Structures are given as structure tokens and as C-alpha cells.
Amino acid sequence: MLVLKRQQQERSQLRVESKVKLKWLRMSPRKVRRVIDQIRGLSAGEAFTTLRFMPFAAAREVEKVLKSALYNLINGSKTSLSEQEAQELRIVEAYADQGPTLYRRKARARGMAMPIVKRTTHITLVLSDVETG
């Protein structure tokens, strides 16, 4: 009897989670963060709609990452969800970290050189059916 109750508790506490990372995106983290801040906490379906109508180039990249997370859940071998169930999952964590910076020089007048800084970003999204906070 006690074993059955434990198994039922474990089943009720099972979480569906998908963690996806996009690394070395050649875009400034500041530009990506303004997009990610808008979708954090939304369901996946709402996030797709929001990203579709954003005028920023970073929205296309974040949309690709979100699509990848959903397809991993739908086609995954451990937990295969329907597309409707996957659309209801929430974006629990979303952040854009700074990656390595590429430094270049641009020739200027009188033999001088000015720096060109090319920033990269690492995007991380976590979809889950459990609310945090």
C-alpha cells in the first residue's frame, strides 16, 4: 500500500522539461535580451505569436530556439507530447549571456586604427510544465 502511494506521488511530480541552448550567435546580447524579456513566463504558443510580430532581427533567432525546444519535446523518445500539449508549456527560464568577443581593427586617417568589437551571444531557453517562483 505504501509503495503504491509513493509511485502515485512520483508520477504526479513528473516534470516535462526541455532545455535548449544556442551558442555563438553573432549578435549583441543587449539586442537579444530586449526580445527575451518580452517572452519570459509566457506559454510557448503565446511566445510564438509575440515573436512573429516583433520587428527585431533577434526575434527570428529566438523563435528558432523556441521551435527547437518544442520539436525536441514532440519528437523525443523519453516524453513524446502532442503539439497542443507542447504549446501549453511555459518558458520558465530565458536568458542571453555574452559569449566571446571578436576584436578587429579598422584603418583610420594618419595611420591610426580604431577598434571594432563584434559581440556574440549564448541563448538559453527552458520550457517546463511546472511554474517556478
N, C-alpha and C. Protein backbone atom coordinates (compact mmCIF):
# COMPACT_ATOMS: atom_id res chain seq x y z
N MET A 1 0.82 -1.19 0.00
CA MET A 1 0.00 0.00 0.00
C MET A 1 0.87 1.26 0.00
N LEU A 2 1.90 1.24 0.84
CA LEU A 2 2.79 2.39 0.93
C LEU A 2 3.58 2.58 -0.36
N VAL A 3 3.96 1.46 -0.98
CA VAL A 3 4.72 1.53 -2.23
C VAL A 3 3.86 2.13 -3.34
N LEU A 4 2.58 1.75 -3.40
CA LEU A 4 1.68 2.29 -4.42
C LEU A 4 1.48 3.79 -4.25
N LYS A 5 1.36 4.26 -3.00
CA LYS A 5 1.20 5.69 -2.77
C LYS A 5 2.44 6.46 -3.22
N ARG A 6 3.62 5.89 -2.96
CA ARG A 6 4.86 6.55 -3.38
C ARG A 6 4.95 6.64 -4.91
N GLN A 7 4.56 5.55 -5.58
CA GLN A 7 4.60 5.56 -7.04
C GLN A 7 3.63 6.60 -7.60
N GLN A 8 2.45 6.73 -6.99
CA GLN A 8 1.49 7.72 -7.44
C GLN A 8 2.02 9.13 -7.21
N GLN A 9 2.69 9.36 -6.09
CA GLN A 9 3.26 10.67 -5.81
C GLN A 9 4.36 11.00 -6.81
N GLU A 10 5.19 10.00 -7.13
CA GLU A 10 6.27 10.22 -8.09
C GLU A 10 5.71 10.54 -9.47
N ARG A 11 4.64 9.88 -9.88
CA ARG A 11 4.04 10.16 -11.17
C ARG A 11 3.46 11.57 -11.23
N SER A 12 2.84 12.00 -10.11
CA SER A 12 2.25 13.34 -10.10
C SER A 12 3.32 14.42 -10.11
N GLN A 13 4.53 14.09 -9.66
CA GLN A 13 5.60 15.07 -9.62
C GLN A 13 6.49 15.03 -10.86
N LEU A 14 6.19 14.18 -11.82
CA LEU A 14 6.98 14.13 -13.04
C LEU A 14 6.88 15.45 -13.78
N ARG A 15 8.01 15.92 -14.22
CA ARG A 15 8.05 17.19 -14.94
C ARG A 15 8.47 16.95 -16.37
N VAL A 16 7.85 17.70 -17.24
CA VAL A 16 8.27 17.70 -18.63
C VAL A 16 9.11 18.96 -18.80
N GLU A 17 10.34 18.78 -19.25
CA GLU A 17 11.24 19.93 -19.35
C GLU A 17 12.11 19.78 -20.58
N SER A 18 12.35 20.90 -21.23
CA SER A 18 13.25 20.94 -22.38
C SER A 18 14.16 22.15 -22.23
N LYS A 19 15.45 21.89 -22.24
CA LYS A 19 16.44 22.96 -22.13
C LYS A 19 17.23 23.03 -23.43
N VAL A 20 17.22 24.20 -24.05
CA VAL A 20 17.87 24.36 -25.35
C VAL A 20 18.82 25.55 -25.28
N LYS A 21 19.99 25.37 -25.90
CA LYS A 21 20.98 26.45 -25.95
C LYS A 21 21.37 26.72 -27.39
N LEU A 22 21.53 27.99 -27.69
CA LEU A 22 22.10 28.42 -28.96
C LEU A 22 23.36 29.18 -28.60
N LYS A 23 24.49 28.72 -29.10
CA LYS A 23 25.76 29.34 -28.73
C LYS A 23 26.37 30.06 -29.92
N TRP A 24 27.16 31.06 -29.60
CA TRP A 24 27.95 31.83 -30.57
C TRP A 24 27.10 32.52 -31.64
N LEU A 25 25.95 33.03 -31.24
CA LEU A 25 25.13 33.82 -32.15
C LEU A 25 25.82 35.17 -32.35
N ARG A 26 26.06 35.56 -33.59
CA ARG A 26 26.77 36.80 -33.89
C ARG A 26 25.82 37.99 -33.80
N MET A 27 25.41 38.28 -32.58
CA MET A 27 24.52 39.39 -32.31
C MET A 27 24.79 39.85 -30.88
N SER A 28 24.64 41.11 -30.63
CA SER A 28 24.90 41.66 -29.31
C SER A 28 23.91 41.12 -28.28
N PRO A 29 24.37 40.76 -27.07
CA PRO A 29 23.46 40.26 -26.04
C PRO A 29 22.39 41.29 -25.65
N ARG A 30 22.75 42.55 -25.73
CA ARG A 30 21.79 43.60 -25.38
C ARG A 30 20.59 43.59 -26.31
N LYS A 31 20.82 43.33 -27.59
CA LYS A 31 19.73 43.27 -28.57
C LYS A 31 18.86 42.03 -28.36
N VAL A 32 19.48 40.94 -27.94
CA VAL A 32 18.74 39.70 -27.73
C VAL A 32 17.93 39.77 -26.44
N ARG A 33 18.49 40.41 -25.42
CA ARG A 33 17.81 40.49 -24.12
C ARG A 33 16.49 41.25 -24.20
N ARG A 34 16.41 42.27 -25.04
CA ARG A 34 15.15 43.02 -25.12
C ARG A 34 14.04 42.16 -25.72
N VAL A 35 14.38 41.16 -26.52
CA VAL A 35 13.39 40.23 -27.06
C VAL A 35 13.04 39.18 -26.02
N ILE A 36 14.04 38.63 -25.36
CA ILE A 36 13.83 37.55 -24.39
C ILE A 36 13.02 38.05 -23.19
N ASP A 37 13.23 39.29 -22.78
CA ASP A 37 12.49 39.84 -21.65
C ASP A 37 10.99 39.88 -21.93
N GLN A 38 10.60 40.00 -23.19
CA GLN A 38 9.19 40.07 -23.56
C GLN A 38 8.50 38.71 -23.50
N ILE A 39 9.25 37.61 -23.69
CA ILE A 39 8.60 36.28 -23.76
C ILE A 39 8.79 35.46 -22.49
N ARG A 40 9.61 35.90 -21.58
CA ARG A 40 9.85 35.13 -20.35
C ARG A 40 8.54 34.99 -19.57
N GLY A 41 8.19 33.75 -19.21
CA GLY A 41 6.98 33.49 -18.45
C GLY A 41 5.75 33.20 -19.29
N LEU A 42 5.80 33.42 -20.58
CA LEU A 42 4.66 33.15 -21.46
C LEU A 42 4.59 31.67 -21.81
N SER A 43 3.44 31.22 -22.27
CA SER A 43 3.34 29.87 -22.81
C SER A 43 4.01 29.87 -24.19
N ALA A 44 4.34 28.69 -24.67
CA ALA A 44 5.07 28.60 -25.94
C ALA A 44 4.23 29.16 -27.10
N GLY A 45 2.93 28.91 -27.10
CA GLY A 45 2.07 29.42 -28.16
C GLY A 45 2.01 30.94 -28.17
N GLU A 46 1.88 31.53 -26.97
CA GLU A 46 1.85 32.99 -26.87
C GLU A 46 3.19 33.59 -27.28
N ALA A 47 4.27 32.91 -26.92
CA ALA A 47 5.60 33.40 -27.26
C ALA A 47 5.80 33.41 -28.78
N PHE A 48 5.32 32.36 -29.47
CA PHE A 48 5.43 32.33 -30.93
C PHE A 48 4.71 33.52 -31.56
N THR A 49 3.51 33.79 -31.08
CA THR A 49 2.74 34.91 -31.62
C THR A 49 3.45 36.23 -31.37
N THR A 50 3.99 36.39 -30.16
CA THR A 50 4.69 37.63 -29.81
C THR A 50 5.94 37.80 -30.68
N LEU A 51 6.70 36.73 -30.84
CA LEU A 51 7.93 36.80 -31.62
C LEU A 51 7.65 37.07 -33.10
N ARG A 52 6.55 36.53 -33.60
CA ARG A 52 6.23 36.68 -35.01
C ARG A 52 6.03 38.15 -35.40
N PHE A 53 5.49 38.93 -34.47
CA PHE A 53 5.17 40.32 -34.79
C PHE A 53 6.18 41.32 -34.24
N MET A 54 7.31 40.85 -33.73
CA MET A 54 8.35 41.77 -33.28
C MET A 54 9.20 42.20 -34.47
N PRO A 55 9.59 43.46 -34.53
CA PRO A 55 10.36 43.95 -35.68
C PRO A 55 11.87 43.74 -35.56
N PHE A 56 12.32 43.03 -34.54
CA PHE A 56 13.75 42.87 -34.31
C PHE A 56 14.30 41.61 -34.96
N ALA A 57 15.54 41.67 -35.43
CA ALA A 57 16.18 40.51 -36.04
C ALA A 57 16.42 39.42 -34.99
N ALA A 58 16.61 39.80 -33.75
CA ALA A 58 16.84 38.83 -32.69
C ALA A 58 15.60 37.96 -32.47
N ALA A 59 14.42 38.47 -32.79
CA ALA A 59 13.19 37.69 -32.62
C ALA A 59 13.19 36.45 -33.50
N ARG A 60 13.76 36.54 -34.70
CA ARG A 60 13.83 35.36 -35.58
C ARG A 60 14.71 34.27 -34.97
N GLU A 61 15.83 34.69 -34.37
CA GLU A 61 16.76 33.72 -33.78
C GLU A 61 16.16 33.07 -32.54
N VAL A 62 15.49 33.85 -31.70
CA VAL A 62 14.86 33.30 -30.50
C VAL A 62 13.72 32.37 -30.90
N GLU A 63 13.02 32.70 -31.98
CA GLU A 63 11.95 31.83 -32.46
C GLU A 63 12.50 30.47 -32.90
N LYS A 64 13.66 30.46 -33.54
CA LYS A 64 14.29 29.20 -33.94
C LYS A 64 14.63 28.35 -32.73
N VAL A 65 15.13 28.99 -31.68
CA VAL A 65 15.49 28.25 -30.46
C VAL A 65 14.24 27.68 -29.81
N LEU A 66 13.17 28.47 -29.74
CA LEU A 66 11.92 28.00 -29.16
C LEU A 66 11.33 26.84 -29.96
N LYS A 67 11.40 26.94 -31.28
CA LYS A 67 10.93 25.85 -32.15
C LYS A 67 11.71 24.57 -31.89
N SER A 68 13.00 24.70 -31.73
CA SER A 68 13.85 23.55 -31.46
C SER A 68 13.46 22.88 -30.14
N ALA A 69 13.19 23.68 -29.11
CA ALA A 69 12.80 23.13 -27.81
C ALA A 69 11.48 22.37 -27.93
N LEU A 70 10.53 22.92 -28.69
CA LEU A 70 9.23 22.24 -28.86
C LEU A 70 9.37 20.95 -29.64
N TYR A 71 10.15 20.98 -30.71
CA TYR A 71 10.32 19.78 -31.52
C TYR A 71 11.06 18.69 -30.75
N ASN A 72 11.96 19.07 -29.86
CA ASN A 72 12.62 18.08 -29.02
C ASN A 72 11.61 17.38 -28.11
N LEU A 73 10.64 18.11 -27.61
CA LEU A 73 9.62 17.51 -26.75
C LEU A 73 8.64 16.66 -27.55
N ILE A 74 8.27 17.13 -28.73
CA ILE A 74 7.28 16.41 -29.54
C ILE A 74 7.87 15.11 -30.08
N ASN A 75 9.10 15.17 -30.57
CA ASN A 75 9.72 14.00 -31.20
C ASN A 75 10.67 13.25 -30.29
N GLY A 76 10.75 13.63 -29.03
CA GLY A 76 11.69 12.99 -28.11
C GLY A 76 11.28 11.57 -27.78
N SER A 77 12.27 10.75 -27.45
CA SER A 77 11.98 9.35 -27.15
C SER A 77 11.49 9.17 -25.72
N LYS A 78 11.94 10.02 -24.79
CA LYS A 78 11.53 9.86 -23.39
C LYS A 78 10.08 10.30 -23.19
N THR A 79 9.79 11.52 -23.58
CA THR A 79 8.43 12.04 -23.42
C THR A 79 7.96 12.58 -24.75
N SER A 80 7.05 11.88 -25.36
CA SER A 80 6.51 12.38 -26.62
C SER A 80 5.18 13.05 -26.32
N LEU A 81 5.11 14.34 -26.56
CA LEU A 81 3.91 15.12 -26.32
C LEU A 81 3.23 15.42 -27.65
N SER A 82 1.96 15.72 -27.57
CA SER A 82 1.29 16.19 -28.78
C SER A 82 1.69 17.65 -28.99
N GLU A 83 1.42 18.15 -30.16
CA GLU A 83 1.79 19.53 -30.47
C GLU A 83 1.00 20.52 -29.61
N GLN A 84 -0.25 20.18 -29.33
CA GLN A 84 -1.10 21.04 -28.50
C GLN A 84 -0.57 21.09 -27.07
N GLU A 85 -0.17 19.94 -26.52
CA GLU A 85 0.38 19.92 -25.16
C GLU A 85 1.69 20.70 -25.08
N ALA A 86 2.50 20.60 -26.11
CA ALA A 86 3.77 21.32 -26.11
C ALA A 86 3.56 22.83 -26.18
N GLN A 87 2.52 23.27 -26.89
CA GLN A 87 2.23 24.71 -27.00
C GLN A 87 1.81 25.31 -25.65
N GLU A 88 1.33 24.47 -24.73
CA GLU A 88 0.86 24.97 -23.44
C GLU A 88 1.99 25.09 -22.41
N LEU A 89 3.16 24.56 -22.70
CA LEU A 89 4.27 24.65 -21.75
C LEU A 89 4.74 26.09 -21.62
N ARG A 90 5.24 26.42 -20.44
CA ARG A 90 5.68 27.78 -20.15
C ARG A 90 7.19 27.92 -20.32
N ILE A 91 7.61 29.12 -20.66
CA ILE A 91 9.04 29.43 -20.70
C ILE A 91 9.44 29.81 -19.28
N VAL A 92 10.06 28.87 -18.59
CA VAL A 92 10.40 29.06 -17.18
C VAL A 92 11.66 29.91 -17.04
N GLU A 93 12.67 29.59 -17.84
CA GLU A 93 13.91 30.36 -17.81
C GLU A 93 14.24 30.80 -19.23
N ALA A 94 14.71 32.01 -19.35
CA ALA A 94 15.15 32.53 -20.64
C ALA A 94 16.19 33.60 -20.37
N TYR A 95 17.37 33.39 -20.89
CA TYR A 95 18.41 34.41 -20.71
C TYR A 95 19.40 34.37 -21.85
N ALA A 96 20.07 35.51 -22.03
CA ALA A 96 21.08 35.67 -23.07
C ALA A 96 22.37 36.11 -22.40
N ASP A 97 23.36 35.24 -22.45
CA ASP A 97 24.66 35.53 -21.87
C ASP A 97 25.62 35.99 -22.96
N GLN A 98 26.62 36.74 -22.54
CA GLN A 98 27.60 37.21 -23.51
C GLN A 98 28.61 36.11 -23.79
N GLY A 99 28.88 35.89 -25.06
CA GLY A 99 29.88 34.93 -25.48
C GLY A 99 31.21 35.62 -25.71
N PRO A 100 32.13 34.95 -26.37
CA PRO A 100 33.42 35.57 -26.65
C PRO A 100 33.27 36.74 -27.62
N THR A 101 34.10 37.74 -27.44
CA THR A 101 34.07 38.94 -28.27
C THR A 101 35.22 38.90 -29.26
N LEU A 102 34.92 39.20 -30.51
CA LEU A 102 35.95 39.26 -31.54
C LEU A 102 36.40 40.71 -31.68
N TYR A 103 37.71 40.91 -31.65
CA TYR A 103 38.25 42.26 -31.77
C TYR A 103 38.90 42.43 -33.13
N ARG A 104 38.51 43.48 -33.85
CA ARG A 104 39.06 43.79 -35.15
C ARG A 104 39.52 45.23 -35.14
N ARG A 105 40.32 45.61 -36.13
CA ARG A 105 40.81 46.99 -36.27
C ARG A 105 40.38 47.55 -37.61
N LYS A 106 40.02 48.81 -37.60
CA LYS A 106 39.67 49.50 -38.83
C LYS A 106 40.66 50.64 -39.05
N ALA A 107 41.23 50.68 -40.23
CA ALA A 107 42.22 51.71 -40.55
C ALA A 107 41.56 53.07 -40.60
N ARG A 108 42.22 54.06 -40.00
CA ARG A 108 41.71 55.43 -39.98
C ARG A 108 42.79 56.37 -40.55
N ALA A 109 42.50 57.64 -40.52
CA ALA A 109 43.41 58.64 -41.08
C ALA A 109 44.71 58.73 -40.28
N ARG A 110 45.77 59.13 -40.95
CA ARG A 110 47.09 59.36 -40.36
C ARG A 110 47.67 58.12 -39.69
N GLY A 111 47.38 56.95 -40.24
CA GLY A 111 47.99 55.72 -39.76
C GLY A 111 47.42 55.18 -38.46
N MET A 112 46.30 55.72 -38.02
CA MET A 112 45.70 55.22 -36.77
C MET A 112 44.75 54.06 -37.08
N ALA A 113 44.36 53.37 -36.02
CA ALA A 113 43.41 52.27 -36.15
C ALA A 113 42.38 52.39 -35.05
N MET A 114 41.13 52.16 -35.38
CA MET A 114 40.04 52.20 -34.40
C MET A 114 39.53 50.78 -34.19
N PRO A 115 39.17 50.45 -32.94
CA PRO A 115 38.71 49.09 -32.67
C PRO A 115 37.28 48.84 -33.18
N ILE A 116 37.05 47.63 -33.64
CA ILE A 116 35.71 47.16 -33.98
C ILE A 116 35.45 45.96 -33.08
N VAL A 117 34.38 46.01 -32.31
CA VAL A 117 34.05 44.95 -31.36
C VAL A 117 32.86 44.17 -31.90
N LYS A 118 33.04 42.88 -32.14
CA LYS A 118 31.97 42.02 -32.65
C LYS A 118 31.57 41.07 -31.53
N ARG A 119 30.42 41.32 -30.95
CA ARG A 119 29.97 40.55 -29.79
C ARG A 119 29.19 39.31 -30.22
N THR A 120 29.23 38.30 -29.36
CA THR A 120 28.46 37.07 -29.58
C THR A 120 27.59 36.81 -28.36
N THR A 121 26.59 35.95 -28.55
CA THR A 121 25.60 35.69 -27.51
C THR A 121 25.35 34.19 -27.39
N HIS A 122 25.09 33.76 -26.16
CA HIS A 122 24.62 32.40 -25.89
C HIS A 122 23.20 32.53 -25.35
N ILE A 123 22.23 31.94 -26.06
CA ILE A 123 20.82 32.00 -25.64
C ILE A 123 20.44 30.67 -25.00
N THR A 124 19.74 30.73 -23.86
CA THR A 124 19.25 29.54 -23.19
C THR A 124 17.77 29.70 -22.91
N LEU A 125 16.99 28.69 -23.31
CA LEU A 125 15.55 28.65 -23.02
C LEU A 125 15.22 27.35 -22.32
N VAL A 126 14.37 27.41 -21.30
CA VAL A 126 13.90 26.22 -20.59
C VAL A 126 12.39 26.24 -20.61
N LEU A 127 11.81 25.21 -21.23
CA LEU A 127 10.35 25.04 -21.25
C LEU A 127 9.99 23.98 -20.23
N SER A 128 8.92 24.22 -19.48
CA SER A 128 8.52 23.26 -18.47
C SER A 128 7.03 23.39 -18.22
N ASP A 129 6.44 22.33 -17.62
CA ASP A 129 5.03 22.37 -17.26
C ASP A 129 4.84 22.78 -15.82
N VAL A 130 5.93 23.03 -15.10
CA VAL A 130 5.87 23.42 -13.69
C VAL A 130 6.20 24.88 -13.57
N GLU A 131 5.34 25.62 -12.86
CA GLU A 131 5.59 27.04 -12.64
C GLU A 131 6.62 27.19 -11.52
N THR A 132 7.56 28.11 -11.67
CA THR A 132 8.52 28.39 -10.62
C THR A 132 8.27 29.79 -10.09
N GLY A 133 8.68 29.99 -8.85
CA GLY A 133 8.57 31.32 -8.30
C GLY A 133 7.47 31.39 -7.36
